[in-house]
Amino acid sequence: MCSVGIDNNFTRNVSDKDPLSIVTIKGLSAGTFSLILSVILGFPLPAFKFVLLAMVLGYFSYGLSIVLFIRAMRELGSARTSALFGTAPFVGVALSLLLFRESQGTLFFFLFLS
């Protein structure tokens, strides 16, 4: 949790800058670090098709959410934005339960409520 707080405070301090630039720098930094670490650990590089698909998925699932997070931080402030952003996983779970109507075991609810 400490690293999330540091990241949020850093992002708050630069939130008056262009959100797309901030996300680009953060994404390239994290991607470069992950690539170097995987090469050092000896993991093979994936096929280009999977890299491209992962980049598209990352754009929609990470990139856009962080751009919107930064814009919200600029408009609402860091405390309100973090509180709203933190509820997103719970909203996602509730929507998936309503939309997909799959039955859940007791372990799901135990983990969800813990």
PDB file of N, CA and C in Angstrom:
ATOM      1  N   MET A   1       0.814  -1.198   0.000  1.00  0.00           N
ATOM      2  CA  MET A   1       0.000   0.000   0.000  1.00  0.00           C
ATOM      3  C   MET A   1       0.855   1.258   0.000  1.00  0.00           C
ATOM      4  N   CYS A   2       2.047   1.183   0.563  1.00  0.00           N
ATOM      5  CA  CYS A   2       2.897   2.369   0.638  1.00  0.00           C
ATOM      6  C   CYS A   2       3.280   2.853  -0.757  1.00  0.00           C
ATOM      7  N   SER A   3       3.605   1.913  -1.663  1.00  0.00           N
ATOM      8  CA  SER A   3       3.996   2.324  -3.013  1.00  0.00           C
ATOM      9  C   SER A   3       2.829   2.979  -3.746  1.00  0.00           C
ATOM     10  N   VAL A   4       1.594   2.538  -3.479  1.00  0.00           N
ATOM     11  CA  VAL A   4       0.428   3.162  -4.104  1.00  0.00           C
ATOM     12  C   VAL A   4       0.283   4.594  -3.604  1.00  0.00           C
ATOM     13  N   GLY A   5       0.493   4.819  -2.326  1.00  0.00           N
ATOM     14  CA  GLY A   5       0.413   6.169  -1.768  1.00  0.00           C
ATOM     15  C   GLY A   5       1.476   7.078  -2.345  1.00  0.00           C
ATOM     16  N   ILE A   6       2.681   6.565  -2.491  1.00  0.00           N
ATOM     17  CA  ILE A   6       3.766   7.351  -3.084  1.00  0.00           C
ATOM     18  C   ILE A   6       3.424   7.696  -4.518  1.00  0.00           C
ATOM     19  N   ASP A   7       2.932   6.712  -5.271  1.00  0.00           N
ATOM     20  CA  ASP A   7       2.565   6.945  -6.664  1.00  0.00           C
ATOM     21  C   ASP A   7       1.436   7.964  -6.781  1.00  0.00           C
ATOM     22  N   ASN A   8       0.427   7.845  -5.926  1.00  0.00           N
ATOM     23  CA  ASN A   8      -0.685   8.803  -5.956  1.00  0.00           C
ATOM     24  C   ASN A   8      -0.221  10.214  -5.598  1.00  0.00           C
ATOM     25  N   ASN A   9       0.664  10.334  -4.614  1.00  0.00           N
ATOM     26  CA  ASN A   9       1.169  11.657  -4.250  1.00  0.00           C
ATOM     27  C   ASN A   9       2.013  12.254  -5.367  1.00  0.00           C
ATOM     28  N   PHE A  10       2.837  11.434  -5.999  1.00  0.00           N
ATOM     29  CA  PHE A  10       3.627  11.918  -7.130  1.00  0.00           C
ATOM     30  C   PHE A  10       2.705  12.366  -8.259  1.00  0.00           C
ATOM     31  N   THR A  11       1.698  11.561  -8.563  1.00  0.00           N
ATOM     32  CA  THR A  11       0.768  11.892  -9.643  1.00  0.00           C
ATOM     33  C   THR A  11      -0.007  13.159  -9.318  1.00  0.00           C
ATOM     34  N   ARG A  12      -0.390  13.338  -8.047  1.00  0.00           N
ATOM     35  CA  ARG A  12      -1.097  14.563  -7.639  1.00  0.00           C
ATOM     36  C   ARG A  12      -0.224  15.788  -7.883  1.00  0.00           C
ATOM     37  N   ASN A  13       1.065  15.647  -7.604  1.00  0.00           N
ATOM     38  CA  ASN A  13       1.963  16.786  -7.767  1.00  0.00           C
ATOM     39  C   ASN A  13       2.151  17.188  -9.224  1.00  0.00           C
ATOM     40  N   VAL A  14       1.976  16.257 -10.141  1.00  0.00           N
ATOM     41  CA  VAL A  14       2.149  16.577 -11.563  1.00  0.00           C
ATOM     42  C   VAL A  14       0.817  16.576 -12.308  1.00  0.00           C
ATOM     43  N   SER A  15      -0.294  16.558 -11.578  1.00  0.00           N
ATOM     44  CA  SER A  15      -1.601  16.424 -12.223  1.00  0.00           C
ATOM     45  C   SER A  15      -1.998  17.633 -13.062  1.00  0.00           C
ATOM     46  N   ASP A  16      -1.314  18.755 -12.891  1.00  0.00           N
ATOM     47  CA  ASP A  16      -1.631  19.903 -13.731  1.00  0.00           C
ATOM     48  C   ASP A  16      -0.986  19.801 -15.110  1.00  0.00           C
ATOM     49  N   LYS A  17      -0.124  18.816 -15.300  1.00  0.00           N
ATOM     50  CA  LYS A  17       0.494  18.566 -16.607  1.00  0.00           C
ATOM     51  C   LYS A  17      -0.471  17.764 -17.473  1.00  0.00           C
ATOM     52  N   ASP A  18      -0.083  17.520 -18.719  1.00  0.00           N
ATOM     53  CA  ASP A  18      -0.907  16.756 -19.652  1.00  0.00           C
ATOM     54  C   ASP A  18      -1.024  15.304 -19.193  1.00  0.00           C
ATOM     55  N   PRO A  19      -2.250  14.806 -18.914  1.00  0.00           N
ATOM     56  CA  PRO A  19      -2.416  13.428 -18.433  1.00  0.00           C
ATOM     57  C   PRO A  19      -1.850  12.378 -19.389  1.00  0.00           C
ATOM     58  N   LEU A  20      -1.987  12.603 -20.676  1.00  0.00           N
ATOM     59  CA  LEU A  20      -1.475  11.633 -21.643  1.00  0.00           C
ATOM     60  C   LEU A  20       0.046  11.525 -21.562  1.00  0.00           C
ATOM     61  N   SER A  21       0.723  12.639 -21.362  1.00  0.00           N
ATOM     62  CA  SER A  21       2.183  12.623 -21.225  1.00  0.00           C
ATOM     63  C   SER A  21       2.606  11.883 -19.961  1.00  0.00           C
ATOM     64  N   ILE A  22       1.890  12.126 -18.873  1.00  0.00           N
ATOM     65  CA  ILE A  22       2.215  11.466 -17.610  1.00  0.00           C
ATOM     66  C   ILE A  22       2.064   9.954 -17.748  1.00  0.00           C
ATOM     67  N   VAL A  23       0.951   9.521 -18.342  1.00  0.00           N
ATOM     68  CA  VAL A  23       0.699   8.085 -18.496  1.00  0.00           C
ATOM     69  C   VAL A  23       1.717   7.466 -19.448  1.00  0.00           C
ATOM     70  N   THR A  24       2.090   8.179 -20.490  1.00  0.00           N
ATOM     71  CA  THR A  24       3.087   7.665 -21.428  1.00  0.00           C
ATOM     72  C   THR A  24       4.414   7.443 -20.717  1.00  0.00           C
ATOM     73  N   ILE A  25       4.845   8.419 -19.932  1.00  0.00           N
ATOM     74  CA  ILE A  25       6.113   8.292 -19.209  1.00  0.00           C
ATOM     75  C   ILE A  25       6.037   7.156 -18.191  1.00  0.00           C
ATOM     76  N   LYS A  26       4.936   7.083 -17.429  1.00  0.00           N
ATOM     77  CA  LYS A  26       4.792   6.010 -16.437  1.00  0.00           C
ATOM     78  C   LYS A  26       4.747   4.646 -17.103  1.00  0.00           C
ATOM     79  N   GLY A  27       4.012   4.523 -18.209  1.00  0.00           N
ATOM     80  CA  GLY A  27       3.902   3.241 -18.896  1.00  0.00           C
ATOM     81  C   GLY A  27       5.210   2.792 -19.511  1.00  0.00           C
ATOM     82  N   LEU A  28       5.912   3.724 -20.162  1.00  0.00           N
ATOM     83  CA  LEU A  28       7.209   3.365 -20.756  1.00  0.00           C
ATOM     84  C   LEU A  28       8.230   3.002 -19.685  1.00  0.00           C
ATOM     85  N   SER A  29       8.198   3.707 -18.557  1.00  0.00           N
ATOM     86  CA  SER A  29       9.125   3.400 -17.462  1.00  0.00           C
ATOM     87  C   SER A  29       8.852   2.010 -16.892  1.00  0.00           C
ATOM     88  N   ALA A  30       7.584   1.732 -16.614  1.00  0.00           N
ATOM     89  CA  ALA A  30       7.233   0.421 -16.046  1.00  0.00           C
ATOM     90  C   ALA A  30       7.497  -0.699 -17.048  1.00  0.00           C
ATOM     91  N   GLY A  31       7.167  -0.463 -18.314  1.00  0.00           N
ATOM     92  CA  GLY A  31       7.406  -1.477 -19.337  1.00  0.00           C
ATOM     93  C   GLY A  31       8.877  -1.762 -19.534  1.00  0.00           C
ATOM     94  N   THR A  32       9.697  -0.717 -19.553  1.00  0.00           N
ATOM     95  CA  THR A  32      11.147  -0.900 -19.706  1.00  0.00           C
ATOM     96  C   THR A  32      11.713  -1.667 -18.527  1.00  0.00           C
ATOM     97  N   PHE A  33      11.292  -1.291 -17.311  1.00  0.00           N
ATOM     98  CA  PHE A  33      11.755  -2.009 -16.116  1.00  0.00           C
ATOM     99  C   PHE A  33      11.365  -3.484 -16.180  1.00  0.00           C
ATOM    100  N   SER A  34      10.116  -3.760 -16.562  1.00  0.00           N
ATOM    101  CA  SER A  34       9.643  -5.152 -16.634  1.00  0.00           C
ATOM    102  C   SER A  34      10.404  -5.938 -17.701  1.00  0.00           C
ATOM    103  N   LEU A  35      10.670  -5.313 -18.835  1.00  0.00           N
ATOM    104  CA  LEU A  35      11.420  -5.982 -19.903  1.00  0.00           C
ATOM    105  C   LEU A  35      12.835  -6.309 -19.451  1.00  0.00           C
ATOM    106  N   ILE A  36      13.510  -5.346 -18.839  1.00  0.00           N
ATOM    107  CA  ILE A  36      14.878  -5.578 -18.365  1.00  0.00           C
ATOM    108  C   ILE A  36      14.898  -6.668 -17.299  1.00  0.00           C
ATOM    109  N   LEU A  37      13.958  -6.624 -16.377  1.00  0.00           N
ATOM    110  CA  LEU A  37      13.891  -7.633 -15.320  1.00  0.00           C
ATOM    111  C   LEU A  37      13.638  -9.025 -15.896  1.00  0.00           C
ATOM    112  N   SER A  38      12.753  -9.141 -16.872  1.00  0.00           N
ATOM    113  CA  SER A  38      12.465 -10.456 -17.450  1.00  0.00           C
ATOM    114  C   SER A  38      13.660 -10.989 -18.228  1.00  0.00           C
ATOM    115  N   VAL A  39      14.413 -10.111 -18.889  1.00  0.00           N
ATOM    116  CA  VAL A  39      15.618 -10.554 -19.597  1.00  0.00           C
ATOM    117  C   VAL A  39      16.670 -11.008 -18.601  1.00  0.00           C
ATOM    118  N   ILE A  40      16.847 -10.254 -17.519  1.00  0.00           N
ATOM    119  CA  ILE A  40      17.822 -10.630 -16.490  1.00  0.00           C
ATOM    120  C   ILE A  40      17.459 -11.977 -15.872  1.00  0.00           C
ATOM    121  N   LEU A  41      16.163 -12.219 -15.648  1.00  0.00           N
ATOM    122  CA  LEU A  41      15.717 -13.478 -15.050  1.00  0.00           C
ATOM    123  C   LEU A  41      15.679 -14.629 -16.044  1.00  0.00           C
ATOM    124  N   GLY A  42      15.907 -14.333 -17.321  1.00  0.00           N
ATOM    125  CA  GLY A  42      16.009 -15.386 -18.333  1.00  0.00           C
ATOM    126  C   GLY A  42      14.701 -15.840 -18.941  1.00  0.00           C
ATOM    127  N   PHE A  43      13.656 -15.060 -18.822  1.00  0.00           N
ATOM    128  CA  PHE A  43      12.388 -15.430 -19.437  1.00  0.00           C
ATOM    129  C   PHE A  43      12.444 -15.162 -20.935  1.00  0.00           C
ATOM    130  N   PRO A  44      11.876 -16.041 -21.742  1.00  0.00           N
ATOM    131  CA  PRO A  44      11.878 -15.802 -23.193  1.00  0.00           C
ATOM    132  C   PRO A  44      10.891 -14.702 -23.566  1.00  0.00           C
ATOM    133  N   LEU A  45      11.183 -13.988 -24.635  1.00  0.00           N
ATOM    134  CA  LEU A  45      10.271 -12.952 -25.107  1.00  0.00           C
ATOM    135  C   LEU A  45       9.070 -13.593 -25.789  1.00  0.00           C
ATOM    136  N   PRO A  46       7.885 -13.070 -25.581  1.00  0.00           N
ATOM    137  CA  PRO A  46       6.691 -13.639 -26.213  1.00  0.00           C
ATOM    138  C   PRO A  46       6.640 -13.293 -27.698  1.00  0.00           C
ATOM    139  N   ALA A  47       5.775 -13.977 -28.410  1.00  0.00           N
ATOM    140  CA  ALA A  47       5.576 -13.693 -29.832  1.00  0.00           C
ATOM    141  C   ALA A  47       5.025 -12.285 -29.999  1.00  0.00           C
ATOM    142  N   PHE A  48       5.311 -11.664 -31.142  1.00  0.00           N
ATOM    143  CA  PHE A  48       4.901 -10.282 -31.394  1.00  0.00           C
ATOM    144  C   PHE A  48       3.391 -10.126 -31.298  1.00  0.00           C
ATOM    145  N   LYS A  49       2.643 -11.142 -31.720  1.00  0.00           N
ATOM    146  CA  LYS A  49       1.181 -11.085 -31.655  1.00  0.00           C
ATOM    147  C   LYS A  49       0.705 -10.872 -30.213  1.00  0.00           C
ATOM    148  N   PHE A  50       1.312 -11.587 -29.281  1.00  0.00           N
ATOM    149  CA  PHE A  50       0.919 -11.469 -27.879  1.00  0.00           C
ATOM    150  C   PHE A  50       1.357 -10.123 -27.290  1.00  0.00           C
ATOM    151  N   VAL A  51       2.496  -9.630 -27.737  1.00  0.00           N
ATOM    152  CA  VAL A  51       2.951  -8.314 -27.288  1.00  0.00           C
ATOM    153  C   VAL A  51       1.962  -7.245 -27.741  1.00  0.00           C
ATOM    154  N   LEU A  52       1.556  -7.328 -28.990  1.00  0.00           N
ATOM    155  CA  LEU A  52       0.607  -6.359 -29.538  1.00  0.00           C
ATOM    156  C   LEU A  52      -0.741  -6.427 -28.815  1.00  0.00           C
ATOM    157  N   LEU A  53      -1.230  -7.644 -28.585  1.00  0.00           N
ATOM    158  CA  LEU A  53      -2.497  -7.801 -27.861  1.00  0.00           C
ATOM    159  C   LEU A  53      -2.394  -7.277 -26.426  1.00  0.00           C
ATOM    160  N   ALA A  54      -1.255  -7.523 -25.784  1.00  0.00           N
ATOM    161  CA  ALA A  54      -1.060  -7.019 -24.420  1.00  0.00           C
ATOM    162  C   ALA A  54      -1.012  -5.494 -24.401  1.00  0.00           C
ATOM    163  N   MET A  55      -0.424  -4.897 -25.442  1.00  0.00           N
ATOM    164  CA  MET A  55      -0.374  -3.440 -25.508  1.00  0.00           C
ATOM    165  C   MET A  55      -1.762  -2.840 -25.700  1.00  0.00           C
ATOM    166  N   VAL A  56      -2.582  -3.472 -26.526  1.00  0.00           N
ATOM    167  CA  VAL A  56      -3.954  -2.991 -26.736  1.00  0.00           C
ATOM    168  C   VAL A  56      -4.756  -3.131 -25.439  1.00  0.00           C
ATOM    169  N   LEU A  57      -4.626  -4.278 -24.784  1.00  0.00           N
ATOM    170  CA  LEU A  57      -5.308  -4.482 -23.509  1.00  0.00           C
ATOM    171  C   LEU A  57      -4.840  -3.468 -22.471  1.00  0.00           C
ATOM    172  N   GLY A  58      -3.541  -3.223 -22.400  1.00  0.00           N
ATOM    173  CA  GLY A  58      -2.999  -2.253 -21.456  1.00  0.00           C
ATOM    174  C   GLY A  58      -3.481  -0.846 -21.724  1.00  0.00           C
ATOM    175  N   TYR A  59      -3.616  -0.507 -23.002  1.00  0.00           N
ATOM    176  CA  TYR A  59      -4.110   0.820 -23.361  1.00  0.00           C
ATOM    177  C   TYR A  59      -5.498   1.060 -22.784  1.00  0.00           C
ATOM    178  N   PHE A  60      -6.373   0.076 -22.955  1.00  0.00           N
ATOM    179  CA  PHE A  60      -7.750   0.250 -22.486  1.00  0.00           C
ATOM    180  C   PHE A  60      -7.896   0.031 -20.988  1.00  0.00           C
ATOM    181  N   SER A  61      -7.206  -0.956 -20.433  1.00  0.00           N
ATOM    182  CA  SER A  61      -7.428  -1.275 -19.028  1.00  0.00           C
ATOM    183  C   SER A  61      -6.576  -0.448 -18.077  1.00  0.00           C
ATOM    184  N   TYR A  62      -5.404  -0.042 -18.496  1.00  0.00           N
ATOM    185  CA  TYR A  62      -4.531   0.733 -17.613  1.00  0.00           C
ATOM    186  C   TYR A  62      -4.413   2.182 -18.080  1.00  0.00           C
ATOM    187  N   GLY A  63      -4.069   2.370 -19.321  1.00  0.00           N
ATOM    188  CA  GLY A  63      -3.796   3.705 -19.838  1.00  0.00           C
ATOM    189  C   GLY A  63      -4.956   4.671 -19.696  1.00  0.00           C
ATOM    190  N   LEU A  64      -6.104   4.285 -20.208  1.00  0.00           N
ATOM    191  CA  LEU A  64      -7.262   5.180 -20.134  1.00  0.00           C
ATOM    192  C   LEU A  64      -7.711   5.419 -18.696  1.00  0.00           C
ATOM    193  N   SER A  65      -7.627   4.389 -17.853  1.00  0.00           N
ATOM    194  CA  SER A  65      -8.060   4.581 -16.469  1.00  0.00           C
ATOM    195  C   SER A  65      -7.151   5.556 -15.745  1.00  0.00           C
ATOM    196  N   ILE A  66      -5.854   5.526 -16.025  1.00  0.00           N
ATOM    197  CA  ILE A  66      -4.942   6.455 -15.359  1.00  0.00           C
ATOM    198  C   ILE A  66      -5.117   7.870 -15.900  1.00  0.00           C
ATOM    199  N   VAL A  67      -5.361   8.003 -17.209  1.00  0.00           N
ATOM    200  CA  VAL A  67      -5.633   9.338 -17.762  1.00  0.00           C
ATOM    201  C   VAL A  67      -6.872   9.926 -17.093  1.00  0.00           C
ATOM    202  N   LEU A  68      -7.924   9.131 -16.965  1.00  0.00           N
ATOM    203  CA  LEU A  68      -9.144   9.614 -16.309  1.00  0.00           C
ATOM    204  C   LEU A  68      -8.907   9.888 -14.824  1.00  0.00           C
ATOM    205  N   PHE A  69      -8.075   9.070 -14.197  1.00  0.00           N
ATOM    206  CA  PHE A  69      -7.725   9.268 -12.785  1.00  0.00           C
ATOM    207  C   PHE A  69      -7.031  10.616 -12.600  1.00  0.00           C
ATOM    208  N   ILE A  70      -6.092  10.933 -13.478  1.00  0.00           N
ATOM    209  CA  ILE A  70      -5.358  12.195 -13.366  1.00  0.00           C
ATOM    210  C   ILE A  70      -6.288  13.383 -13.616  1.00  0.00           C
ATOM    211  N   ARG A  71      -7.149  13.247 -14.602  1.00  0.00           N
ATOM    212  CA  ARG A  71      -8.104  14.342 -14.871  1.00  0.00           C
ATOM    213  C   ARG A  71      -9.045  14.537 -13.673  1.00  0.00           C
ATOM    214  N   ALA A  72      -9.495  13.425 -13.083  1.00  0.00           N
ATOM    215  CA  ALA A  72     -10.363  13.531 -11.909  1.00  0.00           C
ATOM    216  C   ALA A  72      -9.611  14.131 -10.729  1.00  0.00           C
ATOM    217  N   MET A  73      -8.339  13.767 -10.575  1.00  0.00           N
ATOM    218  CA  MET A  73      -7.541  14.308  -9.491  1.00  0.00           C
ATOM    219  C   MET A  73      -7.420  15.823  -9.623  1.00  0.00           C
ATOM    220  N   ARG A  74      -7.312  16.276 -10.841  1.00  0.00           N
ATOM    221  CA  ARG A  74      -7.214  17.715 -11.108  1.00  0.00           C
ATOM    222  C   ARG A  74      -8.520  18.420 -10.735  1.00  0.00           C
ATOM    223  N   GLU A  75      -9.651  17.784 -11.028  1.00  0.00           N
ATOM    224  CA  GLU A  75     -10.954  18.416 -10.810  1.00  0.00           C
ATOM    225  C   GLU A  75     -11.492  18.210  -9.387  1.00  0.00           C
ATOM    226  N   LEU A  76     -11.318  16.992  -8.843  1.00  0.00           N
ATOM    227  CA  LEU A  76     -11.935  16.651  -7.553  1.00  0.00           C
ATOM    228  C   LEU A  76     -10.983  16.714  -6.369  1.00  0.00           C
ATOM    229  N   GLY A  77      -9.691  16.632  -6.632  1.00  0.00           N
ATOM    230  CA  GLY A  77      -8.710  16.545  -5.560  1.00  0.00           C
ATOM    231  C   GLY A  77      -8.303  15.094  -5.340  1.00  0.00           C
ATOM    232  N   SER A  78      -7.174  14.916  -4.689  1.00  0.00           N
ATOM    233  CA  SER A  78      -6.621  13.561  -4.562  1.00  0.00           C
ATOM    234  C   SER A  78      -7.423  12.660  -3.628  1.00  0.00           C
ATOM    235  N   ALA A  79      -7.947  13.191  -2.531  1.00  0.00           N
ATOM    236  CA  ALA A  79      -8.675  12.346  -1.570  1.00  0.00           C
ATOM    237  C   ALA A  79      -9.966  11.799  -2.168  1.00  0.00           C
ATOM    238  N   ARG A  80     -10.775  12.655  -2.782  1.00  0.00           N
ATOM    239  CA  ARG A  80     -12.039  12.203  -3.375  1.00  0.00           C
ATOM    240  C   ARG A  80     -11.791  11.255  -4.549  1.00  0.00           C
ATOM    241  N   THR A  81     -10.811  11.600  -5.359  1.00  0.00           N
ATOM    242  CA  THR A  81     -10.513  10.750  -6.515  1.00  0.00           C
ATOM    243  C   THR A  81     -10.065   9.369  -6.070  1.00  0.00           C
ATOM    244  N   SER A  82      -9.186   9.302  -5.083  1.00  0.00           N
ATOM    245  CA  SER A  82      -8.711   8.000  -4.597  1.00  0.00           C
ATOM    246  C   SER A  82      -9.844   7.185  -4.002  1.00  0.00           C
ATOM    247  N   ALA A  83     -10.759   7.845  -3.296  1.00  0.00           N
ATOM    248  CA  ALA A  83     -11.901   7.130  -2.713  1.00  0.00           C
ATOM    249  C   ALA A  83     -12.799   6.569  -3.805  1.00  0.00           C
ATOM    250  N   LEU A  84     -13.069   7.361  -4.832  1.00  0.00           N
ATOM    251  CA  LEU A  84     -13.903   6.880  -5.937  1.00  0.00           C
ATOM    252  C   LEU A  84     -13.197   5.802  -6.746  1.00  0.00           C
ATOM    253  N   PHE A  85     -11.920   5.994  -6.998  1.00  0.00           N
ATOM    254  CA  PHE A  85     -11.137   5.042  -7.773  1.00  0.00           C
ATOM    255  C   PHE A  85     -11.043   3.697  -7.043  1.00  0.00           C
ATOM    256  N   GLY A  86     -11.004   3.747  -5.722  1.00  0.00           N
ATOM    257  CA  GLY A  86     -10.919   2.529  -4.922  1.00  0.00           C
ATOM    258  C   GLY A  86     -12.190   1.700  -4.930  1.00  0.00           C
ATOM    259  N   THR A  87     -13.319   2.313  -5.285  1.00  0.00           N
ATOM    260  CA  THR A  87     -14.578   1.559  -5.325  1.00  0.00           C
ATOM    261  C   THR A  87     -14.774   0.821  -6.648  1.00  0.00           C
ATOM    262  N   ALA A  88     -13.966   1.122  -7.647  1.00  0.00           N
ATOM    263  CA  ALA A  88     -14.147   0.533  -8.974  1.00  0.00           C
ATOM    264  C   ALA A  88     -14.140  -1.001  -8.982  1.00  0.00           C
ATOM    265  N   PRO A  89     -13.239  -1.669  -8.266  1.00  0.00           N
ATOM    266  CA  PRO A  89     -13.287  -3.138  -8.279  1.00  0.00           C
ATOM    267  C   PRO A  89     -14.599  -3.702  -7.737  1.00  0.00           C
ATOM    268  N   PHE A  90     -15.157  -3.063  -6.728  1.00  0.00           N
ATOM    269  CA  PHE A  90     -16.418  -3.543  -6.149  1.00  0.00           C
ATOM    270  C   PHE A  90     -17.579  -3.336  -7.120  1.00  0.00           C
ATOM    271  N   VAL A  91     -17.563  -2.218  -7.820  1.00  0.00           N
ATOM    272  CA  VAL A  91     -18.584  -1.977  -8.838  1.00  0.00           C
ATOM    273  C   VAL A  91     -18.447  -3.003  -9.957  1.00  0.00           C
ATOM    274  N   GLY A  92     -17.214  -3.299 -10.349  1.00  0.00           N
ATOM    275  CA  GLY A  92     -16.976  -4.307 -11.384  1.00  0.00           C
ATOM    276  C   GLY A  92     -17.485  -5.682 -10.985  1.00  0.00           C
ATOM    277  N   VAL A  93     -17.252  -6.063  -9.733  1.00  0.00           N
ATOM    278  CA  VAL A  93     -17.743  -7.358  -9.248  1.00  0.00           C
ATOM    279  C   VAL A  93     -19.270  -7.373  -9.252  1.00  0.00           C
ATOM    280  N   ALA A  94     -19.876  -6.310  -8.759  1.00  0.00           N
ATOM    281  CA  ALA A  94     -21.343  -6.255  -8.717  1.00  0.00           C
ATOM    282  C   ALA A  94     -21.935  -6.332 -10.121  1.00  0.00           C
ATOM    283  N   LEU A  95     -21.364  -5.595 -11.062  1.00  0.00           N
ATOM    284  CA  LEU A  95     -21.860  -5.640 -12.440  1.00  0.00           C
ATOM    285  C   LEU A  95     -21.674  -7.015 -13.070  1.00  0.00           C
ATOM    286  N   SER A  96     -20.536  -7.649 -12.809  1.00  0.00           N
ATOM    287  CA  SER A  96     -20.312  -8.970 -13.399  1.00  0.00           C
ATOM    288  C   SER A  96     -21.278 -10.001 -12.825  1.00  0.00           C
ATOM    289  N   LEU A  97     -21.586  -9.882 -11.532  1.00  0.00           N
ATOM    290  CA  LEU A  97     -22.554 -10.804 -10.942  1.00  0.00           C
ATOM    291  C   LEU A  97     -23.936 -10.610 -11.556  1.00  0.00           C
ATOM    292  N   LEU A  98     -24.311  -9.368 -11.827  1.00  0.00           N
ATOM    293  CA  LEU A  98     -25.611  -9.086 -12.431  1.00  0.00           C
ATOM    294  C   LEU A  98     -25.661  -9.483 -13.905  1.00  0.00           C
ATOM    295  N   LEU A  99     -24.604  -9.185 -14.635  1.00  0.00           N
ATOM    296  CA  LEU A  99     -24.610  -9.433 -16.078  1.00  0.00           C
ATOM    297  C   LEU A  99     -24.443 -10.907 -16.437  1.00  0.00           C
ATOM    298  N   PHE A 100     -23.506 -11.587 -15.773  1.00  0.00           N
ATOM    299  CA  PHE A 100     -23.189 -12.958 -16.174  1.00  0.00           C
ATOM    300  C   PHE A 100     -23.998 -14.004 -15.427  1.00  0.00           C
ATOM    301  N   ARG A 101     -24.585 -13.648 -14.323  1.00  0.00           N
ATOM    302  CA  ARG A 101     -25.481 -14.516 -13.548  1.00  0.00           C
ATOM    303  C   ARG A 101     -24.918 -15.920 -13.305  1.00  0.00           C
ATOM    304  N   GLU A 102     -23.634 -15.970 -12.999  1.00  0.00           N
ATOM    305  CA  GLU A 102     -23.014 -17.249 -12.657  1.00  0.00           C
ATOM    306  C   GLU A 102     -23.111 -17.447 -11.147  1.00  0.00           C
ATOM    307  N   SER A 103     -23.307 -18.689 -10.742  1.00  0.00           N
ATOM    308  CA  SER A 103     -23.390 -18.946  -9.306  1.00  0.00           C
ATOM    309  C   SER A 103     -21.981 -18.938  -8.712  1.00  0.00           C
ATOM    310  N   GLN A 104     -21.891 -18.402  -7.510  1.00  0.00           N
ATOM    311  CA  GLN A 104     -20.609 -18.296  -6.828  1.00  0.00           C
ATOM    312  C   GLN A 104     -20.616 -19.207  -5.615  1.00  0.00           C
ATOM    313  N   GLY A 105     -19.465 -19.798  -5.356  1.00  0.00           N
ATOM    314  CA  GLY A 105     -19.331 -20.652  -4.187  1.00  0.00           C
ATOM    315  C   GLY A 105     -19.103 -19.831  -2.930  1.00  0.00           C
ATOM    316  N   THR A 106     -19.075 -20.500  -1.803  1.00  0.00           N
ATOM    317  CA  THR A 106     -18.877 -19.802  -0.536  1.00  0.00           C
ATOM    318  C   THR A 106     -17.475 -19.198  -0.444  1.00  0.00           C
ATOM    319  N   LEU A 107     -16.482 -19.821  -1.096  1.00  0.00           N
ATOM    320  CA  LEU A 107     -15.131 -19.283  -1.071  1.00  0.00           C
ATOM    321  C   LEU A 107     -15.075 -17.889  -1.690  1.00  0.00           C
ATOM    322  N   PHE A 108     -15.846 -17.672  -2.762  1.00  0.00           N
ATOM    323  CA  PHE A 108     -15.896 -16.356  -3.395  1.00  0.00           C
ATOM    324  C   PHE A 108     -16.350 -15.303  -2.406  1.00  0.00           C
ATOM    325  N   PHE A 109     -17.428 -15.553  -1.718  1.00  0.00           N
ATOM    326  CA  PHE A 109     -17.960 -14.568  -0.786  1.00  0.00           C
ATOM    327  C   PHE A 109     -17.074 -14.399   0.426  1.00  0.00           C
ATOM    328  N   PHE A 110     -16.418 -15.477   0.866  1.00  0.00           N
ATOM    329  CA  PHE A 110     -15.475 -15.376   1.973  1.00  0.00           C
ATOM    330  C   PHE A 110     -14.308 -14.467   1.587  1.00  0.00           C
ATOM    331  N   LEU A 111     -13.750 -14.652   0.395  1.00  0.00           N
ATOM    332  CA  LEU A 111     -12.638 -13.828  -0.059  1.00  0.00           C
ATOM    333  C   LEU A 111     -13.088 -12.395  -0.359  1.00  0.00           C
ATOM    334  N   PHE A 112     -14.279 -12.256  -0.884  1.00  0.00           N
ATOM    335  CA  PHE A 112     -14.799 -10.934  -1.226  1.00  0.00           C
ATOM    336  C   PHE A 112     -15.021 -10.087   0.022  1.00  0.00           C
ATOM    337  N   LEU A 113     -15.521 -10.693   1.065  1.00  0.00           N
ATOM    338  CA  LEU A 113     -15.833  -9.958   2.281  1.00  0.00           C
ATOM    339  C   LEU A 113     -14.642  -9.786   3.215  1.00  0.00           C
ATOM    340  N   SER A 114     -13.556 -10.524   2.962  1.00  0.00           N
ATOM    341  CA  SER A 114     -12.399 -10.420   3.875  1.00  0.00           C
ATOM    342  C   SER A 114     -11.503  -9.261   3.546  1.00  0.00           C
TER     343      SER A 114
END
